[in-house]
Amino acid sequence: MDAKKARRIQQLVAVGEGRGLDWILCTLPENIFYFSGFRTLFYTRFIGVLVPVREQREPVLIVSFIDR
């Protein structure tokens, strides 16, 4: 993960910690791109970025098999 994305994720995690969240699920296309760099033209299928707040783990990009 590059430094810019890592900084964005850290800021999101800080907000989640302040609100007492365990995970944050981003599903808007612009947020998915902002936090993962993943872009697709077809947002008719579920796509998301799952960001752990309390656990020290990497965010997970959730896409359909076709979009891999």
C-alpha atoms as a PDB file:
ATOM      1  CA  MET A   1       0.000   0.000   0.000  1.00  0.00           C
ATOM      2  CA  ASP A   2       1.429   3.384  -0.909  1.00  0.00           C
ATOM      3  CA  ALA A   3       1.899   6.148   1.667  1.00  0.00           C
ATOM      4  CA  LYS A   4      -1.033   8.236   0.431  1.00  0.00           C
ATOM      5  CA  LYS A   5      -3.537   5.369   0.758  1.00  0.00           C
ATOM      6  CA  ALA A   6      -2.068   4.354   4.115  1.00  0.00           C
ATOM      7  CA  ARG A   7      -2.574   7.911   5.420  1.00  0.00           C
ATOM      8  CA  ARG A   8      -6.176   7.937   4.176  1.00  0.00           C
ATOM      9  CA  ILE A   9      -6.865   4.622   5.881  1.00  0.00           C
ATOM     10  CA  GLN A  10      -5.282   5.869   9.135  1.00  0.00           C
ATOM     11  CA  GLN A  11      -7.544   8.925   9.105  1.00  0.00           C
ATOM     12  CA  LEU A  12     -10.599   6.742   8.516  1.00  0.00           C
ATOM     13  CA  VAL A  13      -9.550   4.389  11.323  1.00  0.00           C
ATOM     14  CA  ALA A  14      -9.159   7.364  13.687  1.00  0.00           C
ATOM     15  CA  VAL A  15     -12.722   8.469  12.918  1.00  0.00           C
ATOM     16  CA  GLY A  16     -13.987   4.923  13.448  1.00  0.00           C
ATOM     17  CA  GLU A  17     -12.182   4.666  16.786  1.00  0.00           C
ATOM     18  CA  GLY A  18     -13.755   7.942  17.887  1.00  0.00           C
ATOM     19  CA  ARG A  19     -17.186   6.521  17.155  1.00  0.00           C
ATOM     20  CA  GLY A  20     -16.525   3.150  18.767  1.00  0.00           C
ATOM     21  CA  LEU A  21     -16.737   1.155  15.524  1.00  0.00           C
ATOM     22  CA  ASP A  22     -15.108  -2.213  14.851  1.00  0.00           C
ATOM     23  CA  TRP A  23     -15.224  -2.051  11.038  1.00  0.00           C
ATOM     24  CA  ILE A  24     -16.124   0.480   8.347  1.00  0.00           C
ATOM     25  CA  LEU A  25     -17.649  -0.663   5.064  1.00  0.00           C
ATOM     26  CA  CYS A  26     -17.266   1.757   2.149  1.00  0.00           C
ATOM     27  CA  THR A  27     -19.594   1.102  -0.780  1.00  0.00           C
ATOM     28  CA  LEU A  28     -19.795   4.343  -2.760  1.00  0.00           C
ATOM     29  CA  PRO A  29     -17.696   4.182  -5.953  1.00  0.00           C
ATOM     30  CA  GLU A  30     -15.711   7.316  -5.104  1.00  0.00           C
ATOM     31  CA  ASN A  31     -14.909   6.002  -1.604  1.00  0.00           C
ATOM     32  CA  ILE A  32     -13.875   2.609  -2.952  1.00  0.00           C
ATOM     33  CA  PHE A  33     -11.457   4.306  -5.335  1.00  0.00           C
ATOM     34  CA  TYR A  34     -10.223   6.748  -2.661  1.00  0.00           C
ATOM     35  CA  PHE A  35      -9.341   4.005  -0.170  1.00  0.00           C
ATOM     36  CA  SER A  36      -8.267   1.211  -2.532  1.00  0.00           C
ATOM     37  CA  GLY A  37      -7.449   2.623  -5.959  1.00  0.00           C
ATOM     38  CA  PHE A  38      -9.885   0.117  -7.477  1.00  0.00           C
ATOM     39  CA  ARG A  39     -12.131   1.459 -10.207  1.00  0.00           C
ATOM     40  CA  THR A  40     -14.704  -0.298 -12.328  1.00  0.00           C
ATOM     41  CA  LEU A  41     -17.210   0.952 -14.843  1.00  0.00           C
ATOM     42  CA  PHE A  42     -19.944  -1.392 -13.655  1.00  0.00           C
ATOM     43  CA  TYR A  43     -21.237  -0.730 -10.159  1.00  0.00           C
ATOM     44  CA  THR A  44     -24.295  -2.915 -10.698  1.00  0.00           C
ATOM     45  CA  ARG A  45     -22.740  -5.675  -8.561  1.00  0.00           C
ATOM     46  CA  PHE A  46     -21.762  -5.291  -4.904  1.00  0.00           C
ATOM     47  CA  ILE A  47     -18.294  -3.805  -4.423  1.00  0.00           C
ATOM     48  CA  GLY A  48     -16.890  -2.544  -1.161  1.00  0.00           C
ATOM     49  CA  VAL A  49     -13.832  -1.871   0.955  1.00  0.00           C
ATOM     50  CA  LEU A  50     -13.971  -3.273   4.474  1.00  0.00           C
ATOM     51  CA  VAL A  51     -11.657  -1.366   6.817  1.00  0.00           C
ATOM     52  CA  PRO A  52     -10.866  -2.846  10.244  1.00  0.00           C
ATOM     53  CA  VAL A  53     -10.803  -0.272  13.021  1.00  0.00           C
ATOM     54  CA  ARG A  54      -9.916  -2.218  16.169  1.00  0.00           C
ATOM     55  CA  GLU A  55      -7.751  -4.928  14.602  1.00  0.00           C
ATOM     56  CA  GLN A  56      -4.356  -4.274  13.049  1.00  0.00           C
ATOM     57  CA  ARG A  57      -5.222  -5.742   9.654  1.00  0.00           C
ATOM     58  CA  GLU A  58      -5.172  -4.564   6.067  1.00  0.00           C
ATOM     59  CA  PRO A  59      -8.405  -3.331   4.472  1.00  0.00           C
ATOM     60  CA  VAL A  60     -10.213  -5.890   2.320  1.00  0.00           C
ATOM     61  CA  LEU A  61     -11.508  -5.152  -1.172  1.00  0.00           C
ATOM     62  CA  ILE A  62     -14.728  -7.081  -1.826  1.00  0.00           C
ATOM     63  CA  VAL A  63     -15.555  -7.594  -5.508  1.00  0.00           C
ATOM     64  CA  SER A  64     -17.287 -10.194  -7.626  1.00  0.00           C
ATOM     65  CA  PHE A  65     -15.233 -12.797  -9.414  1.00  0.00           C
ATOM     66  CA  ILE A  66     -15.788 -11.007 -12.743  1.00  0.00           C
ATOM     67  CA  ASP A  67     -14.150  -7.813 -11.449  1.00  0.00           C
ATOM     68  CA  ARG A  68     -10.996  -9.522 -10.204  1.00  0.00           C
END
